[in-house]
């Protein structure tokens, strides 16, 4: 049995960086697609710096066979944009979170990938009046149409973890508030609890290596799956 080859896109983000670290401790190799990459490249990884705009032009080719895919691309947004996103921000958000992500999913599938894990968001639903949730949900639905045997969709709430970039003065206040109401968030609200990005990454890696069936299975990961 050959060692699996994993493709990671969005490895400079919070969840993506933890996925790369987790995969570095497992058998197999990983191909990291990135616009730029400042962290150390793991011993079992190949870093490929690309222009993501070339994806839609079909200028990017994968030379090796891919087994597992991890999609963690995401535009950095202000907190208020999660509630309401102005028109000037929508185009770039859709390009990164939908267009680039879908192009990579299709590219990896053409390279033989059967399993894919995607970072989405709790509340994601195509057709939602909230643009952020609409695009996240639209990506989920389009990936289902590609032909992957096993699809893992992580839908976390607010992600906790040490970030390299400044996210805004409101983030500590938000996290403090979510921590206070944490015990009160039960039932459907439970999945909106904040969660450590490291745990989300671990759940994605664990579930993306399971062979559920040969007919195409979609597994959603929510709060309880990240504990």
C-alpha atoms as a PDB file:
ATOM      1  CA  UNK A   1       0.000   0.000   0.000  1.00  0.00           C
ATOM      2  CA  UNK A   2       1.470   3.327  -1.054  1.00  0.00           C
ATOM      3  CA  UNK A   3       1.670   6.253   1.347  1.00  0.00           C
ATOM      4  CA  UNK A   4      -1.079   8.849   0.838  1.00  0.00           C
ATOM      5  CA  UNK A   5      -0.413  12.197  -0.792  1.00  0.00           C
ATOM      6  CA  UNK A   6      -2.344  15.101   0.706  1.00  0.00           C
ATOM      7  CA  UNK A   7      -2.890  18.479  -0.927  1.00  0.00           C
ATOM      8  CA  UNK A   8      -3.312  21.422   1.459  1.00  0.00           C
ATOM      9  CA  UNK A   9      -4.580  24.819   0.296  1.00  0.00           C
ATOM     10  CA  UNK A  10      -4.786  27.624   2.817  1.00  0.00           C
ATOM     11  CA  UNK A  11      -1.894  26.412   4.930  1.00  0.00           C
ATOM     12  CA  UNK A  12      -1.021  29.887   6.177  1.00  0.00           C
ATOM     13  CA  UNK A  13      -4.399  30.191   7.913  1.00  0.00           C
ATOM     14  CA  UNK A  14      -5.236  29.091  11.437  1.00  0.00           C
ATOM     15  CA  UNK A  15      -6.798  25.708  10.650  1.00  0.00           C
ATOM     16  CA  UNK A  16      -4.585  25.043   7.641  1.00  0.00           C
ATOM     17  CA  UNK A  17      -1.368  25.515   9.619  1.00  0.00           C
ATOM     18  CA  UNK A  18      -2.532  22.974  12.188  1.00  0.00           C
ATOM     19  CA  UNK A  19      -3.445  20.518   9.425  1.00  0.00           C
ATOM     20  CA  UNK A  20       0.054  20.799   7.951  1.00  0.00           C
ATOM     21  CA  UNK A  21       1.558  20.213  11.388  1.00  0.00           C
ATOM     22  CA  UNK A  22      -0.676  17.184  11.971  1.00  0.00           C
ATOM     23  CA  UNK A  23       0.142  15.672   8.574  1.00  0.00           C
ATOM     24  CA  UNK A  24       3.860  16.171   9.225  1.00  0.00           C
ATOM     25  CA  UNK A  25       3.592  13.613  12.026  1.00  0.00           C
ATOM     26  CA  UNK A  26       1.854  10.986   9.896  1.00  0.00           C
ATOM     27  CA  UNK A  27       2.983   8.700   7.112  1.00  0.00           C
ATOM     28  CA  UNK A  28       2.650  10.028   3.601  1.00  0.00           C
ATOM     29  CA  UNK A  29       3.570  13.288   1.928  1.00  0.00           C
ATOM     30  CA  UNK A  30       1.843  16.612   1.458  1.00  0.00           C
ATOM     31  CA  UNK A  31       1.747  19.190  -1.291  1.00  0.00           C
ATOM     32  CA  UNK A  32       1.195  22.718  -0.006  1.00  0.00           C
ATOM     33  CA  UNK A  33      -0.287  25.203  -2.469  1.00  0.00           C
ATOM     34  CA  UNK A  34       0.198  28.791  -1.364  1.00  0.00           C
ATOM     35  CA  UNK A  35       0.545  32.345  -2.614  1.00  0.00           C
ATOM     36  CA  UNK A  36       3.285  32.861  -0.007  1.00  0.00           C
ATOM     37  CA  UNK A  37       4.539  30.794   2.914  1.00  0.00           C
ATOM     38  CA  UNK A  38       6.664  32.106   5.789  1.00  0.00           C
ATOM     39  CA  UNK A  39       6.626  29.064   8.083  1.00  0.00           C
ATOM     40  CA  UNK A  40       9.046  26.153   7.992  1.00  0.00           C
ATOM     41  CA  UNK A  41       8.179  23.508   5.406  1.00  0.00           C
ATOM     42  CA  UNK A  42       7.785  20.066   7.049  1.00  0.00           C
ATOM     43  CA  UNK A  43      10.178  17.273   6.125  1.00  0.00           C
ATOM     44  CA  UNK A  44       7.439  15.367   4.272  1.00  0.00           C
ATOM     45  CA  UNK A  45       6.055  18.351   2.367  1.00  0.00           C
ATOM     46  CA  UNK A  46       6.591  20.031  -0.963  1.00  0.00           C
ATOM     47  CA  UNK A  47       5.789  23.725  -1.147  1.00  0.00           C
ATOM     48  CA  UNK A  48       4.487  25.096  -4.413  1.00  0.00           C
ATOM     49  CA  UNK A  49       4.043  28.856  -4.659  1.00  0.00           C
ATOM     50  CA  UNK A  50       1.368  29.718  -7.207  1.00  0.00           C
ATOM     51  CA  UNK A  51      -0.661  32.624  -8.500  1.00  0.00           C
ATOM     52  CA  UNK A  52      -4.181  31.641  -7.538  1.00  0.00           C
ATOM     53  CA  UNK A  53      -5.566  33.638 -10.454  1.00  0.00           C
ATOM     54  CA  UNK A  54      -3.965  31.020 -12.710  1.00  0.00           C
ATOM     55  CA  UNK A  55      -6.360  28.401 -11.328  1.00  0.00           C
ATOM     56  CA  UNK A  56      -9.340  29.771 -13.248  1.00  0.00           C
ATOM     57  CA  UNK A  57      -7.194  30.033 -16.366  1.00  0.00           C
ATOM     58  CA  UNK A  58      -6.288  26.338 -15.938  1.00  0.00           C
ATOM     59  CA  UNK A  59      -2.578  27.163 -15.937  1.00  0.00           C
ATOM     60  CA  UNK A  60      -1.912  25.118 -12.797  1.00  0.00           C
ATOM     61  CA  UNK A  61      -1.177  21.420 -13.252  1.00  0.00           C
ATOM     62  CA  UNK A  62      -0.475  18.726 -10.669  1.00  0.00           C
ATOM     63  CA  UNK A  63       2.346  16.401 -11.606  1.00  0.00           C
ATOM     64  CA  UNK A  64       1.712  13.798  -8.892  1.00  0.00           C
ATOM     65  CA  UNK A  65      -1.337  11.774  -7.924  1.00  0.00           C
ATOM     66  CA  UNK A  66      -3.353  13.179  -5.014  1.00  0.00           C
ATOM     67  CA  UNK A  67      -5.273  11.108  -2.451  1.00  0.00           C
ATOM     68  CA  UNK A  68      -6.611  13.534   0.161  1.00  0.00           C
ATOM     69  CA  UNK A  69      -7.476  17.228  -0.139  1.00  0.00           C
ATOM     70  CA  UNK A  70      -7.732  19.864   2.589  1.00  0.00           C
ATOM     71  CA  UNK A  71      -9.368  23.161   1.608  1.00  0.00           C
ATOM     72  CA  UNK A  72      -8.759  25.908   4.174  1.00  0.00           C
ATOM     73  CA  UNK A  73      -8.742  29.043   2.018  1.00  0.00           C
ATOM     74  CA  UNK A  74     -10.487  32.068   3.428  1.00  0.00           C
ATOM     75  CA  UNK A  75     -10.371  35.841   3.079  1.00  0.00           C
ATOM     76  CA  UNK A  76      -9.623  37.726   6.252  1.00  0.00           C
ATOM     77  CA  UNK A  77     -12.814  39.547   7.190  1.00  0.00           C
ATOM     78  CA  UNK A  78     -13.741  42.163   9.724  1.00  0.00           C
ATOM     79  CA  UNK A  79     -16.158  40.893  12.355  1.00  0.00           C
ATOM     80  CA  UNK A  80     -18.988  43.060  11.066  1.00  0.00           C
ATOM     81  CA  UNK A  81     -18.606  41.550   7.586  1.00  0.00           C
ATOM     82  CA  UNK A  82     -19.753  38.195   8.926  1.00  0.00           C
ATOM     83  CA  UNK A  83     -23.093  39.895   9.578  1.00  0.00           C
ATOM     84  CA  UNK A  84     -23.249  42.224   6.606  1.00  0.00           C
ATOM     85  CA  UNK A  85     -20.747  42.387   3.761  1.00  0.00           C
ATOM     86  CA  UNK A  86     -20.724  45.454   1.549  1.00  0.00           C
ATOM     87  CA  UNK A  87     -20.657  45.062  -2.220  1.00  0.00           C
ATOM     88  CA  UNK A  88     -17.024  46.189  -2.543  1.00  0.00           C
ATOM     89  CA  UNK A  89     -15.887  43.287  -0.360  1.00  0.00           C
ATOM     90  CA  UNK A  90     -18.089  40.599  -1.863  1.00  0.00           C
ATOM     91  CA  UNK A  91     -16.138  40.077  -5.083  1.00  0.00           C
ATOM     92  CA  UNK A  92     -12.778  39.357  -3.404  1.00  0.00           C
ATOM     93  CA  UNK A  93     -14.451  37.212  -0.732  1.00  0.00           C
ATOM     94  CA  UNK A  94     -16.218  35.097  -3.340  1.00  0.00           C
ATOM     95  CA  UNK A  95     -13.049  34.779  -5.410  1.00  0.00           C
ATOM     96  CA  UNK A  96     -11.015  33.357  -2.517  1.00  0.00           C
ATOM     97  CA  UNK A  97     -13.590  31.393  -0.565  1.00  0.00           C
ATOM     98  CA  UNK A  98     -15.515  30.049  -3.545  1.00  0.00           C
ATOM     99  CA  UNK A  99     -13.766  30.403  -6.925  1.00  0.00           C
ATOM    100  CA  UNK A 100     -10.245  29.479  -5.839  1.00  0.00           C
ATOM    101  CA  UNK A 101     -11.445  26.751  -3.492  1.00  0.00           C
ATOM    102  CA  UNK A 102     -13.689  25.118  -6.082  1.00  0.00           C
ATOM    103  CA  UNK A 103     -10.953  25.280  -8.726  1.00  0.00           C
ATOM    104  CA  UNK A 104      -8.522  23.488  -6.413  1.00  0.00           C
ATOM    105  CA  UNK A 105     -11.127  20.854  -5.539  1.00  0.00           C
ATOM    106  CA  UNK A 106     -11.657  20.131  -9.241  1.00  0.00           C
ATOM    107  CA  UNK A 107      -7.930  20.166  -9.993  1.00  0.00           C
ATOM    108  CA  UNK A 108      -7.181  17.645  -7.232  1.00  0.00           C
ATOM    109  CA  UNK A 109     -10.066  15.428  -8.304  1.00  0.00           C
ATOM    110  CA  UNK A 110      -8.632  15.302 -11.811  1.00  0.00           C
ATOM    111  CA  UNK A 111      -5.340  14.223 -10.189  1.00  0.00           C
ATOM    112  CA  UNK A 112      -7.052  11.222  -8.617  1.00  0.00           C
ATOM    113  CA  UNK A 113      -8.172  12.534  -5.225  1.00  0.00           C
ATOM    114  CA  UNK A 114     -11.060  10.640  -3.645  1.00  0.00           C
ATOM    115  CA  UNK A 115     -11.295  12.333  -0.238  1.00  0.00           C
ATOM    116  CA  UNK A 116     -11.742  16.024   0.522  1.00  0.00           C
ATOM    117  CA  UNK A 117     -12.107  17.998   3.761  1.00  0.00           C
ATOM    118  CA  UNK A 118     -13.314  21.593   3.685  1.00  0.00           C
ATOM    119  CA  UNK A 119     -13.396  24.330   6.310  1.00  0.00           C
ATOM    120  CA  UNK A 120     -16.852  25.886   6.100  1.00  0.00           C
ATOM    121  CA  UNK A 121     -18.826  27.575   8.877  1.00  0.00           C
ATOM    122  CA  UNK A 122     -21.714  26.837  11.157  1.00  0.00           C
ATOM    123  CA  UNK A 123     -24.804  28.378   9.580  1.00  0.00           C
ATOM    124  CA  UNK A 124     -23.555  27.877   6.010  1.00  0.00           C
ATOM    125  CA  UNK A 125     -26.459  27.552   3.592  1.00  0.00           C
ATOM    126  CA  UNK A 126     -26.721  28.352  -0.084  1.00  0.00           C
ATOM    127  CA  UNK A 127     -29.468  30.908  -0.600  1.00  0.00           C
ATOM    128  CA  UNK A 128     -29.026  32.472   2.848  1.00  0.00           C
ATOM    129  CA  UNK A 129     -29.736  36.205   3.037  1.00  0.00           C
ATOM    130  CA  UNK A 130     -26.366  36.483   4.782  1.00  0.00           C
ATOM    131  CA  UNK A 131     -23.756  36.657   1.999  1.00  0.00           C
ATOM    132  CA  UNK A 132     -21.036  34.985   4.068  1.00  0.00           C
ATOM    133  CA  UNK A 133     -23.225  31.977   4.873  1.00  0.00           C
ATOM    134  CA  UNK A 134     -24.530  31.876   1.297  1.00  0.00           C
ATOM    135  CA  UNK A 135     -21.053  31.581  -0.256  1.00  0.00           C
ATOM    136  CA  UNK A 136     -19.910  29.019   2.291  1.00  0.00           C
ATOM    137  CA  UNK A 137     -23.030  26.953   1.617  1.00  0.00           C
ATOM    138  CA  UNK A 138     -22.680  27.347  -2.146  1.00  0.00           C
ATOM    139  CA  UNK A 139     -19.142  25.947  -1.996  1.00  0.00           C
ATOM    140  CA  UNK A 140     -20.371  22.945  -0.023  1.00  0.00           C
ATOM    141  CA  UNK A 141     -23.038  22.179  -2.616  1.00  0.00           C
ATOM    142  CA  UNK A 142     -20.711  22.577  -5.599  1.00  0.00           C
ATOM    143  CA  UNK A 143     -18.081  20.293  -4.107  1.00  0.00           C
ATOM    144  CA  UNK A 144     -20.725  17.601  -3.684  1.00  0.00           C
ATOM    145  CA  UNK A 145     -21.243  17.640  -7.454  1.00  0.00           C
ATOM    146  CA  UNK A 146     -17.595  16.962  -8.389  1.00  0.00           C
ATOM    147  CA  UNK A 147     -17.562  13.235  -7.702  1.00  0.00           C
ATOM    148  CA  UNK A 148     -15.526  12.762  -4.522  1.00  0.00           C
ATOM    149  CA  UNK A 149     -16.096   9.461  -2.719  1.00  0.00           C
ATOM    150  CA  UNK A 150     -15.839  10.978   0.728  1.00  0.00           C
ATOM    151  CA  UNK A 151     -16.490  14.603   1.673  1.00  0.00           C
ATOM    152  CA  UNK A 152     -15.830  16.047   5.121  1.00  0.00           C
ATOM    153  CA  UNK A 153     -17.309  19.477   5.807  1.00  0.00           C
ATOM    154  CA  UNK A 154     -16.195  21.170   9.021  1.00  0.00           C
ATOM    155  CA  UNK A 155     -18.674  23.754  10.309  1.00  0.00           C
ATOM    156  CA  UNK A 156     -17.048  25.377  13.340  1.00  0.00           C
ATOM    157  CA  UNK A 157     -18.104  28.485  15.179  1.00  0.00           C
ATOM    158  CA  UNK A 158     -15.600  31.224  16.017  1.00  0.00           C
ATOM    159  CA  UNK A 159     -12.071  29.809  15.857  1.00  0.00           C
ATOM    160  CA  UNK A 160      -9.701  30.176  18.782  1.00  0.00           C
ATOM    161  CA  UNK A 161      -5.945  30.156  18.340  1.00  0.00           C
ATOM    162  CA  UNK A 162      -2.852  32.294  18.113  1.00  0.00           C
ATOM    163  CA  UNK A 163      -2.821  34.254  14.881  1.00  0.00           C
ATOM    164  CA  UNK A 164       0.153  35.942  13.280  1.00  0.00           C
ATOM    165  CA  UNK A 165      -1.824  38.958  12.140  1.00  0.00           C
ATOM    166  CA  UNK A 166      -3.828  41.538  14.077  1.00  0.00           C
ATOM    167  CA  UNK A 167      -7.551  40.799  13.724  1.00  0.00           C
ATOM    168  CA  UNK A 168      -9.054  43.841  15.436  1.00  0.00           C
ATOM    169  CA  UNK A 169      -9.586  45.152  18.938  1.00  0.00           C
ATOM    170  CA  UNK A 170     -13.068  43.663  19.023  1.00  0.00           C
ATOM    171  CA  UNK A 171     -11.816  40.040  18.848  1.00  0.00           C
ATOM    172  CA  UNK A 172     -10.814  39.731  22.548  1.00  0.00           C
ATOM    173  CA  UNK A 173     -14.169  41.246  23.514  1.00  0.00           C
ATOM    174  CA  UNK A 174     -16.010  38.822  21.231  1.00  0.00           C
ATOM    175  CA  UNK A 175     -14.126  35.839  22.618  1.00  0.00           C
ATOM    176  CA  UNK A 176     -14.704  36.936  26.192  1.00  0.00           C
ATOM    177  CA  UNK A 177     -18.426  37.344  25.532  1.00  0.00           C
ATOM    178  CA  UNK A 178     -18.691  33.955  23.826  1.00  0.00           C
ATOM    179  CA  UNK A 179     -16.867  32.426  26.769  1.00  0.00           C
ATOM    180  CA  UNK A 180     -19.360  33.895  29.215  1.00  0.00           C
ATOM    181  CA  UNK A 181     -22.431  32.639  27.333  1.00  0.00           C
ATOM    182  CA  UNK A 182     -20.808  29.305  26.452  1.00  0.00           C
ATOM    183  CA  UNK A 183     -22.805  27.267  29.019  1.00  0.00           C
ATOM    184  CA  UNK A 184     -26.055  28.878  27.850  1.00  0.00           C
ATOM    185  CA  UNK A 185     -25.555  27.928  24.211  1.00  0.00           C
ATOM    186  CA  UNK A 186     -27.463  24.665  24.081  1.00  0.00           C
ATOM    187  CA  UNK A 187     -29.598  22.866  21.542  1.00  0.00           C
ATOM    188  CA  UNK A 188     -29.159  24.348  18.033  1.00  0.00           C
ATOM    189  CA  UNK A 189     -27.034  27.152  19.499  1.00  0.00           C
ATOM    190  CA  UNK A 190     -24.437  24.677  20.762  1.00  0.00           C
ATOM    191  CA  UNK A 191     -22.790  24.472  17.362  1.00  0.00           C
ATOM    192  CA  UNK A 192     -22.158  28.236  17.450  1.00  0.00           C
ATOM    193  CA  UNK A 193     -19.821  27.894  20.432  1.00  0.00           C
ATOM    194  CA  UNK A 194     -16.250  29.009  19.835  1.00  0.00           C
ATOM    195  CA  UNK A 195     -13.765  26.187  19.359  1.00  0.00           C
ATOM    196  CA  UNK A 196     -10.011  25.746  19.162  1.00  0.00           C
ATOM    197  CA  UNK A 197      -8.760  25.685  15.563  1.00  0.00           C
ATOM    198  CA  UNK A 198      -6.302  22.934  16.509  1.00  0.00           C
ATOM    199  CA  UNK A 199      -9.202  20.631  17.384  1.00  0.00           C
ATOM    200  CA  UNK A 200     -10.998  21.428  14.136  1.00  0.00           C
ATOM    201  CA  UNK A 201      -7.854  20.537  12.178  1.00  0.00           C
ATOM    202  CA  UNK A 202      -7.424  17.280  14.108  1.00  0.00           C
ATOM    203  CA  UNK A 203     -11.012  16.241  13.397  1.00  0.00           C
ATOM    204  CA  UNK A 204     -10.629  17.026   9.707  1.00  0.00           C
ATOM    205  CA  UNK A 205      -7.448  14.950   9.396  1.00  0.00           C
ATOM    206  CA  UNK A 206      -8.936  12.040  11.335  1.00  0.00           C
ATOM    207  CA  UNK A 207     -12.125  11.926   9.273  1.00  0.00           C
ATOM    208  CA  UNK A 208     -10.552  12.610   5.883  1.00  0.00           C
ATOM    209  CA  UNK A 209      -8.580   9.370   6.088  1.00  0.00           C
ATOM    210  CA  UNK A 210     -11.615   7.167   6.728  1.00  0.00           C
ATOM    211  CA  UNK A 211     -12.957   5.240   3.769  1.00  0.00           C
ATOM    212  CA  UNK A 212     -16.684   5.491   4.364  1.00  0.00           C
ATOM    213  CA  UNK A 213     -17.880   3.886   1.140  1.00  0.00           C
ATOM    214  CA  UNK A 214     -17.496   3.927  -2.607  1.00  0.00           C
ATOM    215  CA  UNK A 215     -20.788   5.684  -3.255  1.00  0.00           C
ATOM    216  CA  UNK A 216     -19.993   9.180  -2.019  1.00  0.00           C
ATOM    217  CA  UNK A 217     -20.537  10.095   1.622  1.00  0.00           C
ATOM    218  CA  UNK A 218     -20.822  13.595   3.096  1.00  0.00           C
ATOM    219  CA  UNK A 219     -19.902  13.910   6.772  1.00  0.00           C
ATOM    220  CA  UNK A 220     -20.530  17.183   8.577  1.00  0.00           C
ATOM    221  CA  UNK A 221     -18.346  18.017  11.567  1.00  0.00           C
ATOM    222  CA  UNK A 222     -19.889  20.297  14.178  1.00  0.00           C
ATOM    223  CA  UNK A 223     -19.057  21.286  17.754  1.00  0.00           C
ATOM    224  CA  UNK A 224     -19.271  17.844  19.381  1.00  0.00           C
ATOM    225  CA  UNK A 225     -16.972  16.399  16.707  1.00  0.00           C
ATOM    226  CA  UNK A 226     -14.245  18.842  17.698  1.00  0.00           C
ATOM    227  CA  UNK A 227     -14.079  17.872  21.379  1.00  0.00           C
END
